[in-house]
PDB file of N, CA and C in Angstrom:
ATOM      1  N   MET A   1     121.372  97.421  99.741  1.00  0.00           N
ATOM      2  CA  MET A   1     120.447  98.048  98.813  1.00  0.00           C
ATOM      3  C   MET A   1     121.218  98.433  97.550  1.00  0.00           C
ATOM      4  N   GLN A   2     120.810  97.853  96.476  1.00  0.00           N
ATOM      5  CA  GLN A   2     121.421  98.150  95.186  1.00  0.00           C
ATOM      6  C   GLN A   2     120.632  99.287  94.525  1.00  0.00           C
ATOM      7  N   PRO A   3     121.285 100.322  94.019  1.00  0.00           N
ATOM      8  CA  PRO A   3     120.564 101.429  93.384  1.00  0.00           C
ATOM      9  C   PRO A   3     119.759 100.950  92.183  1.00  0.00           C
ATOM     10  N   VAL A   4     118.776 101.766  91.785  1.00  0.00           N
ATOM     11  CA  VAL A   4     118.008 101.478  90.579  1.00  0.00           C
ATOM     12  C   VAL A   4     118.330 102.534  89.534  1.00  0.00           C
ATOM     13  N   LEU A   5     118.275 102.133  88.272  1.00  0.00           N
ATOM     14  CA  LEU A   5     118.646 103.002  87.160  1.00  0.00           C
ATOM     15  C   LEU A   5     117.528 103.007  86.134  1.00  0.00           C
ATOM     16  N   TYR A   6     117.244 104.185  85.581  1.00  0.00           N
ATOM     17  CA  TYR A   6     116.279 104.333  84.490  1.00  0.00           C
ATOM     18  C   TYR A   6     117.024 104.942  83.318  1.00  0.00           C
ATOM     19  N   SER A   7     117.006 104.253  82.194  1.00  0.00           N
ATOM     20  CA  SER A   7     117.697 104.707  80.992  1.00  0.00           C
ATOM     21  C   SER A   7     116.670 105.236  79.997  1.00  0.00           C
ATOM     22  N   VAL A   8     116.842 106.473  79.545  1.00  0.00           N
ATOM     23  CA  VAL A   8     115.928 107.052  78.560  1.00  0.00           C
ATOM     24  C   VAL A   8     116.069 106.314  77.233  1.00  0.00           C
ATOM     25  N   ARG A   9     117.284 105.953  76.870  1.00  0.00           N
ATOM     26  CA  ARG A   9     117.488 105.228  75.607  1.00  0.00           C
ATOM     27  C   ARG A   9     116.767 103.880  75.639  1.00  0.00           C
ATOM     28  N   GLU A  10     116.851 103.161  76.773  1.00  0.00           N
ATOM     29  CA  GLU A  10     116.133 101.882  76.913  1.00  0.00           C
ATOM     30  C   GLU A  10     114.621 102.114  76.847  1.00  0.00           C
ATOM     31  N   ALA A  11     114.143 103.194  77.469  1.00  0.00           N
ATOM     32  CA  ALA A  11     112.710 103.496  77.448  1.00  0.00           C
ATOM     33  C   ALA A  11     112.225 103.774  76.029  1.00  0.00           C
ATOM     34  N   LEU A  12     113.024 104.520  75.261  1.00  0.00           N
ATOM     35  CA  LEU A  12     112.652 104.795  73.876  1.00  0.00           C
ATOM     36  C   LEU A  12     112.681 103.534  73.025  1.00  0.00           C
ATOM     37  N   GLY A  13     113.467 102.552  73.449  1.00  0.00           N
ATOM     38  CA  GLY A  13     113.542 101.264  72.754  1.00  0.00           C
ATOM     39  C   GLY A  13     112.456 100.289  73.195  1.00  0.00           C
ATOM     40  N   GLY A  14     111.510 100.746  74.014  1.00  0.00           N
ATOM     41  CA  GLY A  14     110.393  99.882  74.415  1.00  0.00           C
ATOM     42  C   GLY A  14     110.560  99.212  75.761  1.00  0.00           C
ATOM     43  N   ARG A  15     111.580  99.590  76.521  1.00  0.00           N
ATOM     44  CA  ARG A  15     111.818  98.990  77.837  1.00  0.00           C
ATOM     45  C   ARG A  15     111.856 100.070  78.911  1.00  0.00           C
ATOM     46  N   PRO A  16     110.688 100.684  79.198  1.00  0.00           N
ATOM     47  CA  PRO A  16     110.655 101.790  80.174  1.00  0.00           C
ATOM     48  C   PRO A  16     110.582 101.291  81.616  1.00  0.00           C
ATOM     49  N   HIS A  17     111.663 100.755  82.118  1.00  0.00           N
ATOM     50  CA  HIS A  17     111.650 100.176  83.459  1.00  0.00           C
ATOM     51  C   HIS A  17     112.858 100.646  84.269  1.00  0.00           C
ATOM     52  N   TRP A  18     112.640 100.733  85.582  1.00  0.00           N
ATOM     53  CA  TRP A  18     113.739 100.929  86.512  1.00  0.00           C
ATOM     54  C   TRP A  18     114.344  99.561  86.772  1.00  0.00           C
ATOM     55  N   VAL A  19     115.665  99.452  86.761  1.00  0.00           N
ATOM     56  CA  VAL A  19     116.330  98.169  87.001  1.00  0.00           C
ATOM     57  C   VAL A  19     117.421  98.339  88.064  1.00  0.00           C
ATOM     58  N   ARG A  20     117.599  97.304  88.886  1.00  0.00           N
ATOM     59  CA  ARG A  20     118.691  97.313  89.862  1.00  0.00           C
ATOM     60  C   ARG A  20     119.994  97.335  89.073  1.00  0.00           C
ATOM     61  N   SER A  21     120.923  98.142  89.531  1.00  0.00           N
ATOM     62  CA  SER A  21     122.159  98.302  88.793  1.00  0.00           C
ATOM     63  C   SER A  21     123.300  98.597  89.755  1.00  0.00           C
ATOM     64  N   GLY A  22     124.491  98.371  89.298  1.00  0.00           N
ATOM     65  CA  GLY A  22     125.666  98.716  90.087  1.00  0.00           C
ATOM     66  C   GLY A  22     126.360  97.513  90.686  1.00  0.00           C
ATOM     67  N   THR A  23     127.646  97.681  90.881  1.00  0.00           N
ATOM     68  CA  THR A  23     128.475  96.652  91.518  1.00  0.00           C
ATOM     69  C   THR A  23     129.337  97.347  92.566  1.00  0.00           C
ATOM     70  N   GLU A  24     130.066  96.567  93.318  1.00  0.00           N
ATOM     71  CA  GLU A  24     130.980  97.093  94.337  1.00  0.00           C
ATOM     72  C   GLU A  24     130.265  98.096  95.254  1.00  0.00           C
ATOM     73  N   ILE A  25     129.071  97.715  95.707  1.00  0.00           N
ATOM     74  CA  ILE A  25     128.247  98.579  96.554  1.00  0.00           C
ATOM     75  C   ILE A  25     128.775  98.521  97.974  1.00  0.00           C
ATOM     76  N   CYS A  26     129.008  99.695  98.545  1.00  0.00           N
ATOM     77  CA  CYS A  26     129.566  99.752  99.895  1.00  0.00           C
ATOM     78  C   CYS A  26     128.951 100.919 100.666  1.00  0.00           C
ATOM     79  N   TYR A  27     128.458 100.615 101.859  1.00  0.00           N
ATOM     80  CA  TYR A  27     127.986 101.643 102.787  1.00  0.00           C
ATOM     81  C   TYR A  27     128.999 101.707 103.921  1.00  0.00           C
ATOM     82  N   TYR A  28     129.439 102.890 104.266  1.00  0.00           N
ATOM     83  CA  TYR A  28     130.363 102.993 105.388  1.00  0.00           C
ATOM     84  C   TYR A  28     130.143 104.305 106.130  1.00  0.00           C
ATOM     85  N   ARG A  29     130.479 104.283 107.404  1.00  0.00           N
ATOM     86  CA  ARG A  29     130.373 105.471 108.238  1.00  0.00           C
ATOM     87  C   ARG A  29     131.487 106.423 107.827  1.00  0.00           C
ATOM     88  N   ASN A  30     131.121 107.682 107.596  1.00  0.00           N
ATOM     89  CA  ASN A  30     132.163 108.638 107.226  1.00  0.00           C
ATOM     90  C   ASN A  30     132.522 109.518 108.423  1.00  0.00           C
ATOM     91  N   HIS A  31     133.410 110.445 108.208  1.00  0.00           N
ATOM     92  CA  HIS A  31     133.914 111.271 109.299  1.00  0.00           C
ATOM     93  C   HIS A  31     133.420 112.711 109.208  1.00  0.00           C
ATOM     94  N   HIS A  32     132.259 112.900 108.614  1.00  0.00           N
ATOM     95  CA  HIS A  32     131.674 114.243 108.511  1.00  0.00           C
ATOM     96  C   HIS A  32     131.373 114.765 109.909  1.00  0.00           C
ATOM     97  N   CYS A  33     131.806 115.976 110.198  1.00  0.00           N
ATOM     98  CA  CYS A  33     131.577 116.590 111.509  1.00  0.00           C
ATOM     99  C   CYS A  33     130.620 117.765 111.335  1.00  0.00           C
ATOM    100  N   PRO A  34     129.416 117.676 111.885  1.00  0.00           N
ATOM    101  CA  PRO A  34     128.487 118.801 111.783  1.00  0.00           C
ATOM    102  C   PRO A  34     128.971 119.972 112.626  1.00  0.00           C
ATOM    103  N   ALA A  35     128.288 121.087 112.503  1.00  0.00           N
ATOM    104  CA  ALA A  35     128.668 122.300 113.252  1.00  0.00           C
ATOM    105  C   ALA A  35     128.734 122.011 114.746  1.00  0.00           C
ATOM    106  N   ARG A  36     129.638 122.693 115.426  1.00  0.00           N
ATOM    107  CA  ARG A  36     129.801 122.484 116.876  1.00  0.00           C
ATOM    108  C   ARG A  36     128.537 122.863 117.623  1.00  0.00           C
ATOM    109  N   GLY A  37     128.340 122.201 118.756  1.00  0.00           N
ATOM    110  CA  GLY A  37     127.206 122.508 119.600  1.00  0.00           C
ATOM    111  C   GLY A  37     125.945 121.753 119.228  1.00  0.00           C
ATOM    112  N   ARG A  38     125.961 121.043 118.145  1.00  0.00           N
ATOM    113  CA  ARG A  38     124.786 120.261 117.747  1.00  0.00           C
ATOM    114  C   ARG A  38     124.901 118.844 118.269  1.00  0.00           C
ATOM    115  N   ARG A  39     123.755 118.169 118.280  1.00  0.00           N
ATOM    116  CA  ARG A  39     123.764 116.758 118.689  1.00  0.00           C
ATOM    117  C   ARG A  39     124.702 115.962 117.803  1.00  0.00           C
ATOM    118  N   ARG A  40     125.251 114.959 118.372  1.00  0.00           N
ATOM    119  CA  ARG A  40     126.159 114.079 117.623  1.00  0.00           C
ATOM    120  C   ARG A  40     125.333 113.236 116.652  1.00  0.00           C
ATOM    121  N   THR A  41     125.564 113.389 115.375  1.00  0.00           N
ATOM    122  CA  THR A  41     124.852 112.651 114.345  1.00  0.00           C
ATOM    123  C   THR A  41     125.852 111.841 113.540  1.00  0.00           C
ATOM    124  N   THR A  42     125.473 110.634 113.206  1.00  0.00           N
ATOM    125  CA  THR A  42     126.333 109.776 112.395  1.00  0.00           C
ATOM    126  C   THR A  42     125.911 109.890 110.940  1.00  0.00           C
ATOM    127  N   PHE A  43     126.871 110.053 110.070  1.00  0.00           N
ATOM    128  CA  PHE A  43     126.614 110.138 108.644  1.00  0.00           C
ATOM    129  C   PHE A  43     127.270 108.953 107.942  1.00  0.00           C
ATOM    130  N   TYR A  44     126.620 108.498 106.865  1.00  0.00           N
ATOM    131  CA  TYR A  44     127.126 107.366 106.108  1.00  0.00           C
ATOM    132  C   TYR A  44     127.292 107.757 104.648  1.00  0.00           C
ATOM    133  N   THR A  45     128.161 107.044 103.982  1.00  0.00           N
ATOM    134  CA  THR A  45     128.423 107.262 102.567  1.00  0.00           C
ATOM    135  C   THR A  45     128.126 105.963 101.820  1.00  0.00           C
ATOM    136  N   LEU A  46     127.565 106.112 100.633  1.00  0.00           N
ATOM    137  CA  LEU A  46     127.300 104.990  99.737  1.00  0.00           C
ATOM    138  C   LEU A  46     128.195 105.155  98.521  1.00  0.00           C
ATOM    139  N   THR A  47     128.911 104.116  98.177  1.00  0.00           N
ATOM    140  CA  THR A  47     129.696 104.131  96.938  1.00  0.00           C
ATOM    141  C   THR A  47     129.296 102.926  96.105  1.00  0.00           C
ATOM    142  N   PHE A  48     129.364 103.085  94.796  1.00  0.00           N
ATOM    143  CA  PHE A  48     129.056 101.984  93.879  1.00  0.00           C
ATOM    144  C   PHE A  48     129.641 102.312  92.510  1.00  0.00           C
ATOM    145  N   THR A  49     129.712 101.293  91.673  1.00  0.00           N
ATOM    146  CA  THR A  49     130.217 101.448  90.309  1.00  0.00           C
ATOM    147  C   THR A  49     129.098 101.076  89.346  1.00  0.00           C
ATOM    148  N   ILE A  50     128.884 101.923  88.342  1.00  0.00           N
ATOM    149  CA  ILE A  50     127.887 101.624  87.309  1.00  0.00           C
ATOM    150  C   ILE A  50     128.554 101.755  85.950  1.00  0.00           C
ATOM    151  N   THR A  51     128.296 100.782  85.103  1.00  0.00           N
ATOM    152  CA  THR A  51     128.736 100.841  83.718  1.00  0.00           C
ATOM    153  C   THR A  51     127.495 101.078  82.868  1.00  0.00           C
ATOM    154  N   PHE A  52     127.454 102.189  82.156  1.00  0.00           N
ATOM    155  CA  PHE A  52     126.297 102.533  81.352  1.00  0.00           C
ATOM    156  C   PHE A  52     126.348 101.793  80.022  1.00  0.00           C
ATOM    157  N   LYS A  53     125.188 101.304  79.568  1.00  0.00           N
ATOM    158  CA  LYS A  53     125.111 100.504  78.335  1.00  0.00           C
ATOM    159  C   LYS A  53     125.303 101.340  77.071  1.00  0.00           C
ATOM    160  N   HIS A  54     124.779 102.572  77.099  1.00  0.00           N
ATOM    161  CA  HIS A  54     124.744 103.388  75.874  1.00  0.00           C
ATOM    162  C   HIS A  54     125.501 104.692  76.076  1.00  0.00           C
ATOM    163  N   SER A  55     126.177 105.120  75.023  1.00  0.00           N
ATOM    164  CA  SER A  55     126.800 106.438  75.093  1.00  0.00           C
ATOM    165  C   SER A  55     125.726 107.488  74.796  1.00  0.00           C
ATOM    166  N   GLU A  56     125.918 108.679  75.306  1.00  0.00           N
ATOM    167  CA  GLU A  56     124.995 109.801  75.111  1.00  0.00           C
ATOM    168  C   GLU A  56     123.563 109.448  75.527  1.00  0.00           C
ATOM    169  N   ASP A  57     123.440 108.719  76.603  1.00  0.00           N
ATOM    170  CA  ASP A  57     122.139 108.363  77.168  1.00  0.00           C
ATOM    171  C   ASP A  57     121.872 109.285  78.360  1.00  0.00           C
ATOM    172  N   VAL A  58     120.618 109.493  78.679  1.00  0.00           N
ATOM    173  CA  VAL A  58     120.244 110.191  79.901  1.00  0.00           C
ATOM    174  C   VAL A  58     119.765 109.126  80.867  1.00  0.00           C
ATOM    175  N   CYS A  59     120.386 109.067  82.045  1.00  0.00           N
ATOM    176  CA  CYS A  59     120.052 108.047  83.030  1.00  0.00           C
ATOM    177  C   CYS A  59     119.701 108.704  84.362  1.00  0.00           C
ATOM    178  N   TYR A  60     118.782 108.089  85.057  1.00  0.00           N
ATOM    179  CA  TYR A  60     118.388 108.551  86.390  1.00  0.00           C
ATOM    180  C   TYR A  60     118.715 107.456  87.386  1.00  0.00           C
ATOM    181  N   LEU A  61     119.221 107.836  88.536  1.00  0.00           N
ATOM    182  CA  LEU A  61     119.537 106.894  89.602  1.00  0.00           C
ATOM    183  C   LEU A  61     118.674 107.198  90.812  1.00  0.00           C
ATOM    184  N   ALA A  62     118.287 106.152  91.517  1.00  0.00           N
ATOM    185  CA  ALA A  62     117.488 106.326  92.734  1.00  0.00           C
ATOM    186  C   ALA A  62     117.886 105.254  93.735  1.00  0.00           C
ATOM    187  N   TYR A  63     117.601 105.548  94.989  1.00  0.00           N
ATOM    188  CA  TYR A  63     117.887 104.593  96.063  1.00  0.00           C
ATOM    189  C   TYR A  63     116.912 103.421  96.021  1.00  0.00           C
ATOM    190  N   HIS A  64     115.690 103.696  95.594  1.00  0.00           N
ATOM    191  CA  HIS A  64     114.640 102.670  95.540  1.00  0.00           C
ATOM    192  C   HIS A  64     113.744 102.965  94.352  1.00  0.00           C
ATOM    193  N   TYR A  65     112.957 101.977  93.933  1.00  0.00           N
ATOM    194  CA  TYR A  65     112.025 102.192  92.832  1.00  0.00           C
ATOM    195  C   TYR A  65     111.096 103.350  93.168  1.00  0.00           C
ATOM    196  N   PRO A  66     110.986 104.351  92.292  1.00  0.00           N
ATOM    197  CA  PRO A  66     110.089 105.477  92.570  1.00  0.00           C
ATOM    198  C   PRO A  66     108.627 105.032  92.619  1.00  0.00           C
ATOM    199  N   TYR A  67     107.871 105.650  93.506  1.00  0.00           N
ATOM    200  CA  TYR A  67     106.439 105.409  93.638  1.00  0.00           C
ATOM    201  C   TYR A  67     105.766 106.737  93.348  1.00  0.00           C
ATOM    202  N   THR A  68     105.166 106.853  92.173  1.00  0.00           N
ATOM    203  CA  THR A  68     104.637 108.133  91.724  1.00  0.00           C
ATOM    204  C   THR A  68     103.314 108.473  92.398  1.00  0.00           C
ATOM    205  N   TYR A  69     102.993 109.739  92.373  1.00  0.00           N
ATOM    206  CA  TYR A  69     101.716 110.200  92.920  1.00  0.00           C
ATOM    207  C   TYR A  69     100.560 109.607  92.114  1.00  0.00           C
ATOM    208  N   SER A  70     100.741 109.481  90.805  1.00  0.00           N
ATOM    209  CA  SER A  70      99.706 108.874  89.952  1.00  0.00           C
ATOM    210  C   SER A  70      99.460 107.422  90.351  1.00  0.00           C
ATOM    211  N   ALA A  71     100.527 106.694  90.658  1.00  0.00           N
ATOM    212  CA  ALA A  71     100.377 105.298  91.090  1.00  0.00           C
ATOM    213  C   ALA A  71      99.658 105.236  92.433  1.00  0.00           C
ATOM    214  N   LEU A  72      99.991 106.150  93.345  1.00  0.00           N
ATOM    215  CA  LEU A  72      99.307 106.201  94.635  1.00  0.00           C
ATOM    216  C   LEU A  72      97.812 106.409  94.448  1.00  0.00           C
ATOM    217  N   LYS A  73      97.428 107.394  93.629  1.00  0.00           N
ATOM    218  CA  LYS A  73      96.006 107.679  93.406  1.00  0.00           C
ATOM    219  C   LYS A  73      95.303 106.487  92.770  1.00  0.00           C
ATOM    220  N   ALA A  74      95.944 105.850  91.795  1.00  0.00           N
ATOM    221  CA  ALA A  74      95.340 104.683  91.134  1.00  0.00           C
ATOM    222  C   ALA A  74      95.176 103.529  92.122  1.00  0.00           C
ATOM    223  N   ASN A  75      96.189 103.286  92.956  1.00  0.00           N
ATOM    224  CA  ASN A  75      96.096 102.193  93.942  1.00  0.00           C
ATOM    225  C   ASN A  75      95.024 102.462  94.983  1.00  0.00           C
ATOM    226  N   LEU A  76      94.892 103.708  95.421  1.00  0.00           N
ATOM    227  CA  LEU A  76      93.846 104.038  96.387  1.00  0.00           C
ATOM    228  C   LEU A  76      92.455 103.877  95.775  1.00  0.00           C
ATOM    229  N   LYS A  77      92.314 104.237  94.511  1.00  0.00           N
ATOM    230  CA  LYS A  77      91.019 104.079  93.836  1.00  0.00           C
ATOM    231  C   LYS A  77      90.653 102.601  93.725  1.00  0.00           C
ATOM    232  N   LEU A  78      91.624 101.762  93.354  1.00  0.00           N
ATOM    233  CA  LEU A  78      91.374 100.311  93.280  1.00  0.00           C
ATOM    234  C   LEU A  78      91.022  99.736  94.648  1.00  0.00           C
ATOM    235  N   LEU A  79      91.735 100.181  95.669  1.00  0.00           N
ATOM    236  CA  LEU A  79      91.467  99.710  97.023  1.00  0.00           C
ATOM    237  C   LEU A  79      90.058 100.087  97.460  1.00  0.00           C
ATOM    238  N   GLN A  80      89.668 101.322  97.193  1.00  0.00           N
ATOM    239  CA  GLN A  80      88.333 101.774  97.608  1.00  0.00           C
ATOM    240  C   GLN A  80      87.236 100.986  96.881  1.00  0.00           C
ATOM    241  N   ARG A  81      87.449 100.673  95.609  1.00  0.00           N
ATOM    242  CA  ARG A  81      86.451  99.895  94.862  1.00  0.00           C
ATOM    243  C   ARG A  81      86.394  98.440  95.305  1.00  0.00           C
ATOM    244  N   SER A  82      87.476  97.947  95.917  1.00  0.00           N
ATOM    245  CA  SER A  82      87.535  96.531  96.284  1.00  0.00           C
ATOM    246  C   SER A  82      86.867  96.219  97.619  1.00  0.00           C
ATOM    247  N   VAL A  83      86.565  97.240  98.419  1.00  0.00           N
ATOM    248  CA  VAL A  83      85.974  96.973  99.728  1.00  0.00           C
ATOM    249  C   VAL A  83      84.455  97.020  99.659  1.00  0.00           C
ATOM    250  N   ASP A  84      83.803  96.224 100.489  1.00  0.00           N
ATOM    251  CA  ASP A  84      82.346  96.212 100.603  1.00  0.00           C
ATOM    252  C   ASP A  84      81.956  97.281 101.616  1.00  0.00           C
ATOM    253  N   PRO A  85      81.294  98.366 101.179  1.00  0.00           N
ATOM    254  CA  PRO A  85      80.987  99.464 102.100  1.00  0.00           C
ATOM    255  C   PRO A  85      80.024  99.090 103.227  1.00  0.00           C
ATOM    256  N   THR A  86      79.333  97.970 103.110  1.00  0.00           N
ATOM    257  CA  THR A  86      78.465  97.539 104.207  1.00  0.00           C
ATOM    258  C   THR A  86      79.256  96.865 105.315  1.00  0.00           C
ATOM    259  N   LYS A  87      80.486  96.446 105.004  1.00  0.00           N
ATOM    260  CA  LYS A  87      81.318  95.755 105.993  1.00  0.00           C
ATOM    261  C   LYS A  87      82.564  96.533 106.387  1.00  0.00           C
ATOM    262  N   VAL A  88      83.051  97.361 105.483  1.00  0.00           N
ATOM    263  CA  VAL A  88      84.323  98.048 105.701  1.00  0.00           C
ATOM    264  C   VAL A  88      84.129  99.554 105.575  1.00  0.00           C
ATOM    265  N   PHE A  89      84.602 100.283 106.574  1.00  0.00           N
ATOM    266  CA  PHE A  89      84.603 101.745 106.535  1.00  0.00           C
ATOM    267  C   PHE A  89      85.906 102.177 105.884  1.00  0.00           C
ATOM    268  N   PHE A  90      85.814 102.897 104.779  1.00  0.00           N
ATOM    269  CA  PHE A  90      86.979 103.369 104.024  1.00  0.00           C
ATOM    270  C   PHE A  90      86.814 104.865 103.816  1.00  0.00           C
ATOM    271  N   GLN A  91      87.795 105.643 104.256  1.00  0.00           N
ATOM    272  CA  GLN A  91      87.713 107.099 104.108  1.00  0.00           C
ATOM    273  C   GLN A  91      89.083 107.655 103.766  1.00  0.00           C
ATOM    274  N   GLN A  92      89.101 108.599 102.824  1.00  0.00           N
ATOM    275  CA  GLN A  92      90.330 109.318 102.482  1.00  0.00           C
ATOM    276  C   GLN A  92      90.155 110.777 102.876  1.00  0.00           C
ATOM    277  N   GLN A  93      91.168 111.331 103.505  1.00  0.00           N
ATOM    278  CA  GLN A  93      91.184 112.745 103.858  1.00  0.00           C
ATOM    279  C   GLN A  93      92.560 113.295 103.519  1.00  0.00           C
ATOM    280  N   ALA A  94      92.631 114.591 103.290  1.00  0.00           N
ATOM    281  CA  ALA A  94      93.923 115.228 103.019  1.00  0.00           C
ATOM    282  C   ALA A  94      94.572 115.614 104.344  1.00  0.00           C
ATOM    283  N   LEU A  95      95.781 115.121 104.567  1.00  0.00           N
ATOM    284  CA  LEU A  95      96.537 115.470 105.769  1.00  0.00           C
ATOM    285  C   LEU A  95      97.203 116.832 105.600  1.00  0.00           C
ATOM    286  N   CYS A  96      97.832 117.004 104.442  1.00  0.00           N
ATOM    287  CA  CYS A  96      98.550 118.236 104.137  1.00  0.00           C
ATOM    288  C   CYS A  96      98.807 118.237 102.632  1.00  0.00           C
ATOM    289  N   SER A  97      99.587 119.169 102.160  1.00  0.00           N
ATOM    290  CA  SER A  97      99.968 119.210 100.750  1.00  0.00           C
ATOM    291  C   SER A  97     101.461 118.967 100.623  1.00  0.00           C
ATOM    292  N   SER A  98     101.841 118.308  99.549  1.00  0.00           N
ATOM    293  CA  SER A  98     103.260 118.076  99.285  1.00  0.00           C
ATOM    294  C   SER A  98     103.886 119.380  98.777  1.00  0.00           C
ATOM    295  N   LEU A  99     105.200 119.377  98.606  1.00  0.00           N
ATOM    296  CA  LEU A  99     105.878 120.551  98.063  1.00  0.00           C
ATOM    297  C   LEU A  99     105.390 120.874  96.654  1.00  0.00           C
ATOM    298  N   ALA A 100     104.896 119.860  95.940  1.00  0.00           N
ATOM    299  CA  ALA A 100     104.371 120.068  94.584  1.00  0.00           C
ATOM    300  C   ALA A 100     102.910 120.518  94.602  1.00  0.00           C
ATOM    301  N   GLY A 101     102.316 120.590  95.813  1.00  0.00           N
ATOM    302  CA  GLY A 101     100.927 121.021  95.918  1.00  0.00           C
ATOM    303  C   GLY A 101      99.919 119.891  95.873  1.00  0.00           C
ATOM    304  N   ASN A 102     100.387 118.653  95.827  1.00  0.00           N
ATOM    305  CA  ASN A 102      99.471 117.513  95.814  1.00  0.00           C
ATOM    306  C   ASN A 102      99.000 117.197  97.225  1.00  0.00           C
ATOM    307  N   PRO A 103      97.716 116.861  97.392  1.00  0.00           N
ATOM    308  CA  PRO A 103      97.255 116.493  98.732  1.00  0.00           C
ATOM    309  C   PRO A 103      97.851 115.155  99.165  1.00  0.00           C
ATOM    310  N   CYS A 104      98.309 115.074 100.404  1.00  0.00           N
ATOM    311  CA  CYS A 104      98.837 113.831 100.975  1.00  0.00           C
ATOM    312  C   CYS A 104      97.691 113.141 101.699  1.00  0.00           C
ATOM    313  N   PRO A 105      97.233 112.005 101.196  1.00  0.00           N
ATOM    314  CA  PRO A 105      96.052 111.378 101.789  1.00  0.00           C
ATOM    315  C   PRO A 105      96.342 110.632 103.082  1.00  0.00           C
ATOM    316  N   VAL A 106      95.363 110.691 103.962  1.00  0.00           N
ATOM    317  CA  VAL A 106      95.319 109.832 105.143  1.00  0.00           C
ATOM    318  C   VAL A 106      94.163 108.880 104.871  1.00  0.00           C
ATOM    319  N   VAL A 107      94.420 107.597 104.941  1.00  0.00           N
ATOM    320  CA  VAL A 107      93.400 106.602 104.641  1.00  0.00           C
ATOM    321  C   VAL A 107      93.006 105.896 105.931  1.00  0.00           C
ATOM    322  N   THR A 108      91.709 105.854 106.193  1.00  0.00           N
ATOM    323  CA  THR A 108      91.181 105.142 107.354  1.00  0.00           C
ATOM    324  C   THR A 108      90.417 103.937 106.847  1.00  0.00           C
ATOM    325  N   ILE A 109      90.820 102.755 107.304  1.00  0.00           N
ATOM    326  CA  ILE A 109      90.137 101.517 106.936  1.00  0.00           C
ATOM    327  C   ILE A 109      89.874 100.758 108.230  1.00  0.00           C
ATOM    328  N   THR A 110      88.614 100.480 108.484  1.00  0.00           N
ATOM    329  CA  THR A 110      88.244  99.749 109.695  1.00  0.00           C
ATOM    330  C   THR A 110      86.904  99.069 109.466  1.00  0.00           C
ATOM    331  N   ALA A 111      86.480  98.262 110.423  1.00  0.00           N
ATOM    332  CA  ALA A 111      85.177  97.604 110.317  1.00  0.00           C
ATOM    333  C   ALA A 111      84.071  98.647 110.474  1.00  0.00           C
ATOM    334  N   CYS A 112      82.968  98.449 109.778  1.00  0.00           N
ATOM    335  CA  CYS A 112      81.830  99.346 109.932  1.00  0.00           C
ATOM    336  C   CYS A 112      81.248  99.180 111.327  1.00  0.00           C
ATOM    337  N   PRO A 113      80.640 100.236 111.865  1.00  0.00           N
ATOM    338  CA  PRO A 113      80.022 100.121 113.184  1.00  0.00           C
ATOM    339  C   PRO A 113      78.869  99.118 113.151  1.00  0.00           C
ATOM    340  N   ALA A 114      78.619  98.515 114.306  1.00  0.00           N
ATOM    341  CA  ALA A 114      77.560  97.505 114.400  1.00  0.00           C
ATOM    342  C   ALA A 114      76.197  98.084 114.071  1.00  0.00           C
ATOM    343  N   SER A 115      75.981  99.362 114.417  1.00  0.00           N
ATOM    344  CA  SER A 115      74.711 100.026 114.123  1.00  0.00           C
ATOM    345  C   SER A 115      74.972 101.508 113.955  1.00  0.00           C
ATOM    346  N   ARG A 116      73.905 102.257 113.689  1.00  0.00           N
ATOM    347  CA  ARG A 116      74.017 103.703 113.543  1.00  0.00           C
ATOM    348  C   ARG A 116      73.732 104.426 114.864  1.00  0.00           C
ATOM    349  N   SER A 117      73.764 103.684 115.955  1.00  0.00           N
ATOM    350  CA  SER A 117      73.501 104.294 117.255  1.00  0.00           C
ATOM    351  C   SER A 117      74.617 105.271 117.605  1.00  0.00           C
ATOM    352  N   TRP A 118      74.310 106.208 118.526  1.00  0.00           N
ATOM    353  CA  TRP A 118      75.286 107.211 118.931  1.00  0.00           C
ATOM    354  C   TRP A 118      76.554 106.559 119.462  1.00  0.00           C
ATOM    355  N   ARG A 119      76.394 105.531 120.276  1.00  0.00           N
ATOM    356  CA  ARG A 119      77.537 104.860 120.901  1.00  0.00           C
ATOM    357  C   ARG A 119      78.468 104.240 119.841  1.00  0.00           C
ATOM    358  N   ASP A 120      77.879 103.519 118.885  1.00  0.00           N
ATOM    359  CA  ASP A 120      78.698 102.885 117.844  1.00  0.00           C
ATOM    360  C   ASP A 120      79.359 103.913 116.942  1.00  0.00           C
ATOM    361  N   MET A 121      78.639 104.978 116.595  1.00  0.00           N
ATOM    362  CA  MET A 121      79.211 106.021 115.747  1.00  0.00           C
ATOM    363  C   MET A 121      80.314 106.783 116.500  1.00  0.00           C
ATOM    364  N   HIS A 122      80.120 107.005 117.788  1.00  0.00           N
ATOM    365  CA  HIS A 122      81.144 107.670 118.594  1.00  0.00           C
ATOM    366  C   HIS A 122      82.403 106.800 118.664  1.00  0.00           C
ATOM    367  N   GLN A 123      82.207 105.509 118.826  1.00  0.00           N
ATOM    368  CA  GLN A 123      83.355 104.582 118.879  1.00  0.00           C
ATOM    369  C   GLN A 123      84.126 104.612 117.555  1.00  0.00           C
ATOM    370  N   LEU A 124      83.421 104.693 116.438  1.00  0.00           N
ATOM    371  CA  LEU A 124      84.065 104.777 115.125  1.00  0.00           C
ATOM    372  C   LEU A 124      84.899 106.057 115.018  1.00  0.00           C
ATOM    373  N   ARG A 125      84.341 107.177 115.467  1.00  0.00           N
ATOM    374  CA  ARG A 125      85.049 108.461 115.397  1.00  0.00           C
ATOM    375  C   ARG A 125      86.306 108.454 116.264  1.00  0.00           C
ATOM    376  N   GLU A 126      86.237 107.754 117.380  1.00  0.00           N
ATOM    377  CA  GLU A 126      87.385 107.690 118.268  1.00  0.00           C
ATOM    378  C   GLU A 126      88.477 106.841 117.656  1.00  0.00           C
TER     379      GLU A 126
END
């Protein structure tokens, strides 16, 4: 996994994108010892080298391309509009709230019940 980098200077220049960056990428098991009496856990270290293009730039690094809450909401809205409600049951519910206070959606997508009978509706709920 190569880290991704976002450069503010590049964004101001019209290229607001996260790009894979870095060379000499190495993952290795380290010798970190957690507190005694705890389960044995293995820890790993990631090392890499990055050469920045611009001086006095603000850069952000991430393990993977960020997936924003706004993108999630937009994708769910597109998905909901793309399904035929007579054939597909689509429901969004809030599971919990994130640390930022945003609702974390649970999405249920399944075939619509064959009829509105108690048995079919009960099967859908199950």
